[in-house]
């Protein structure tokens, strides 16, 4: 990742809003949001000085496929976003 911290956070927030996620909010180095069914939470954390972006999802369904799909969708959208 070669974005500034501000650009990374702006992209992460835009990606989450465009995905239709709910309660999108910025806290420190991270953007947090809820899935549309409010059963899963996702985070994109930007650490520009280390050139790193973390994608994390957690859910209540005990179904790994849901969180894997959420993080995959966000990762693809983040990479494709400009």
C-alpha atoms as a PDB file:
ATOM      1  CA  UNK A   1       0.000   0.000   0.000  1.00  0.00           C
ATOM      2  CA  UNK A   2       1.461   3.319  -0.973  1.00  0.00           C
ATOM      3  CA  UNK A   3      -1.289   5.729   0.128  1.00  0.00           C
ATOM      4  CA  UNK A   4      -1.041   8.418   2.758  1.00  0.00           C
ATOM      5  CA  UNK A   5      -2.894   7.743   6.012  1.00  0.00           C
ATOM      6  CA  UNK A   6      -5.595  10.267   5.095  1.00  0.00           C
ATOM      7  CA  UNK A   7      -6.054   8.819   1.592  1.00  0.00           C
ATOM      8  CA  UNK A   8      -6.183   5.257   2.919  1.00  0.00           C
ATOM      9  CA  UNK A   9      -8.838   6.119   5.500  1.00  0.00           C
ATOM     10  CA  UNK A  10     -10.866   8.071   2.933  1.00  0.00           C
ATOM     11  CA  UNK A  11     -10.743   5.125   0.515  1.00  0.00           C
ATOM     12  CA  UNK A  12     -11.697   2.658   3.247  1.00  0.00           C
ATOM     13  CA  UNK A  13     -14.661   4.786   4.290  1.00  0.00           C
ATOM     14  CA  UNK A  14     -15.813   5.249   0.685  1.00  0.00           C
ATOM     15  CA  UNK A  15     -15.531   1.493   0.007  1.00  0.00           C
ATOM     16  CA  UNK A  16     -17.650   0.659   3.053  1.00  0.00           C
ATOM     17  CA  UNK A  17     -20.313   3.257   2.236  1.00  0.00           C
ATOM     18  CA  UNK A  18     -20.451   2.117  -1.415  1.00  0.00           C
ATOM     19  CA  UNK A  19     -20.898  -1.470  -0.175  1.00  0.00           C
ATOM     20  CA  UNK A  20     -24.031  -0.363   1.679  1.00  0.00           C
ATOM     21  CA  UNK A  21     -22.621  -1.131   5.115  1.00  0.00           C
ATOM     22  CA  UNK A  22     -24.239   0.516   8.127  1.00  0.00           C
ATOM     23  CA  UNK A  23     -22.955   2.737  10.943  1.00  0.00           C
ATOM     24  CA  UNK A  24     -19.692   3.535   9.153  1.00  0.00           C
ATOM     25  CA  UNK A  25     -17.403   5.392  11.538  1.00  0.00           C
ATOM     26  CA  UNK A  26     -13.770   6.409  11.773  1.00  0.00           C
ATOM     27  CA  UNK A  27     -11.906   5.713  15.023  1.00  0.00           C
ATOM     28  CA  UNK A  28      -8.174   6.392  15.090  1.00  0.00           C
ATOM     29  CA  UNK A  29      -6.482   4.421  12.311  1.00  0.00           C
ATOM     30  CA  UNK A  30      -9.585   2.363  11.503  1.00  0.00           C
ATOM     31  CA  UNK A  31     -12.953   2.498   9.801  1.00  0.00           C
ATOM     32  CA  UNK A  32     -15.653   0.331  11.381  1.00  0.00           C
ATOM     33  CA  UNK A  33     -19.039  -0.710   9.974  1.00  0.00           C
ATOM     34  CA  UNK A  34     -21.880  -3.209  10.388  1.00  0.00           C
ATOM     35  CA  UNK A  35     -23.272  -5.539   7.750  1.00  0.00           C
ATOM     36  CA  UNK A  36     -26.749  -4.771   6.447  1.00  0.00           C
ATOM     37  CA  UNK A  37     -28.265  -7.440   8.718  1.00  0.00           C
ATOM     38  CA  UNK A  38     -26.307  -5.968  11.663  1.00  0.00           C
ATOM     39  CA  UNK A  39     -24.980  -9.429  12.524  1.00  0.00           C
ATOM     40  CA  UNK A  40     -21.387  -8.844  11.366  1.00  0.00           C
ATOM     41  CA  UNK A  41     -18.843  -6.125  11.991  1.00  0.00           C
ATOM     42  CA  UNK A  42     -16.032  -5.173   9.644  1.00  0.00           C
ATOM     43  CA  UNK A  43     -12.929  -3.042  10.042  1.00  0.00           C
ATOM     44  CA  UNK A  44     -10.363  -1.637   7.676  1.00  0.00           C
ATOM     45  CA  UNK A  45      -7.276  -0.419   9.501  1.00  0.00           C
ATOM     46  CA  UNK A  46      -4.706   1.762   7.749  1.00  0.00           C
ATOM     47  CA  UNK A  47      -1.079   1.918   8.894  1.00  0.00           C
ATOM     48  CA  UNK A  48       0.458   4.034   6.153  1.00  0.00           C
ATOM     49  CA  UNK A  49       3.861   4.452   7.796  1.00  0.00           C
ATOM     50  CA  UNK A  50       4.224   0.650   7.549  1.00  0.00           C
ATOM     51  CA  UNK A  51       2.493   0.494   4.138  1.00  0.00           C
ATOM     52  CA  UNK A  52      -0.138  -1.887   5.559  1.00  0.00           C
ATOM     53  CA  UNK A  53      -3.914  -2.219   5.415  1.00  0.00           C
ATOM     54  CA  UNK A  54      -5.793  -4.765   7.550  1.00  0.00           C
ATOM     55  CA  UNK A  55      -9.236  -6.158   6.678  1.00  0.00           C
ATOM     56  CA  UNK A  56     -11.097  -7.823   9.562  1.00  0.00           C
ATOM     57  CA  UNK A  57     -14.621  -9.182   9.944  1.00  0.00           C
ATOM     58  CA  UNK A  58     -16.375 -10.838  12.859  1.00  0.00           C
ATOM     59  CA  UNK A  59     -19.877 -12.229  13.055  1.00  0.00           C
ATOM     60  CA  UNK A  60     -22.505 -13.908  15.161  1.00  0.00           C
ATOM     61  CA  UNK A  61     -23.508 -16.620  12.714  1.00  0.00           C
ATOM     62  CA  UNK A  62     -20.675 -19.053  13.420  1.00  0.00           C
ATOM     63  CA  UNK A  63     -20.378 -19.200   9.648  1.00  0.00           C
ATOM     64  CA  UNK A  64     -16.865 -18.415   8.447  1.00  0.00           C
ATOM     65  CA  UNK A  65     -18.049 -18.051   4.842  1.00  0.00           C
ATOM     66  CA  UNK A  66     -19.967 -14.840   5.677  1.00  0.00           C
ATOM     67  CA  UNK A  67     -16.964 -13.048   7.175  1.00  0.00           C
ATOM     68  CA  UNK A  68     -14.585 -14.375   4.515  1.00  0.00           C
ATOM     69  CA  UNK A  69     -16.929 -13.065   1.811  1.00  0.00           C
ATOM     70  CA  UNK A  70     -17.217  -9.668   3.519  1.00  0.00           C
ATOM     71  CA  UNK A  71     -13.464  -9.184   3.813  1.00  0.00           C
ATOM     72  CA  UNK A  72     -12.908 -10.426   0.259  1.00  0.00           C
ATOM     73  CA  UNK A  73     -15.491  -8.011  -1.123  1.00  0.00           C
ATOM     74  CA  UNK A  74     -13.936  -5.082   0.767  1.00  0.00           C
ATOM     75  CA  UNK A  75     -10.407  -6.028  -0.293  1.00  0.00           C
ATOM     76  CA  UNK A  76     -11.394  -6.198  -3.976  1.00  0.00           C
ATOM     77  CA  UNK A  77     -13.262  -2.884  -3.777  1.00  0.00           C
ATOM     78  CA  UNK A  78     -10.339  -1.226  -1.974  1.00  0.00           C
ATOM     79  CA  UNK A  79      -7.866  -2.406  -4.623  1.00  0.00           C
ATOM     80  CA  UNK A  80     -10.107  -1.283  -7.484  1.00  0.00           C
ATOM     81  CA  UNK A  81     -11.002   2.072  -5.922  1.00  0.00           C
ATOM     82  CA  UNK A  82      -9.173   5.230  -6.909  1.00  0.00           C
END
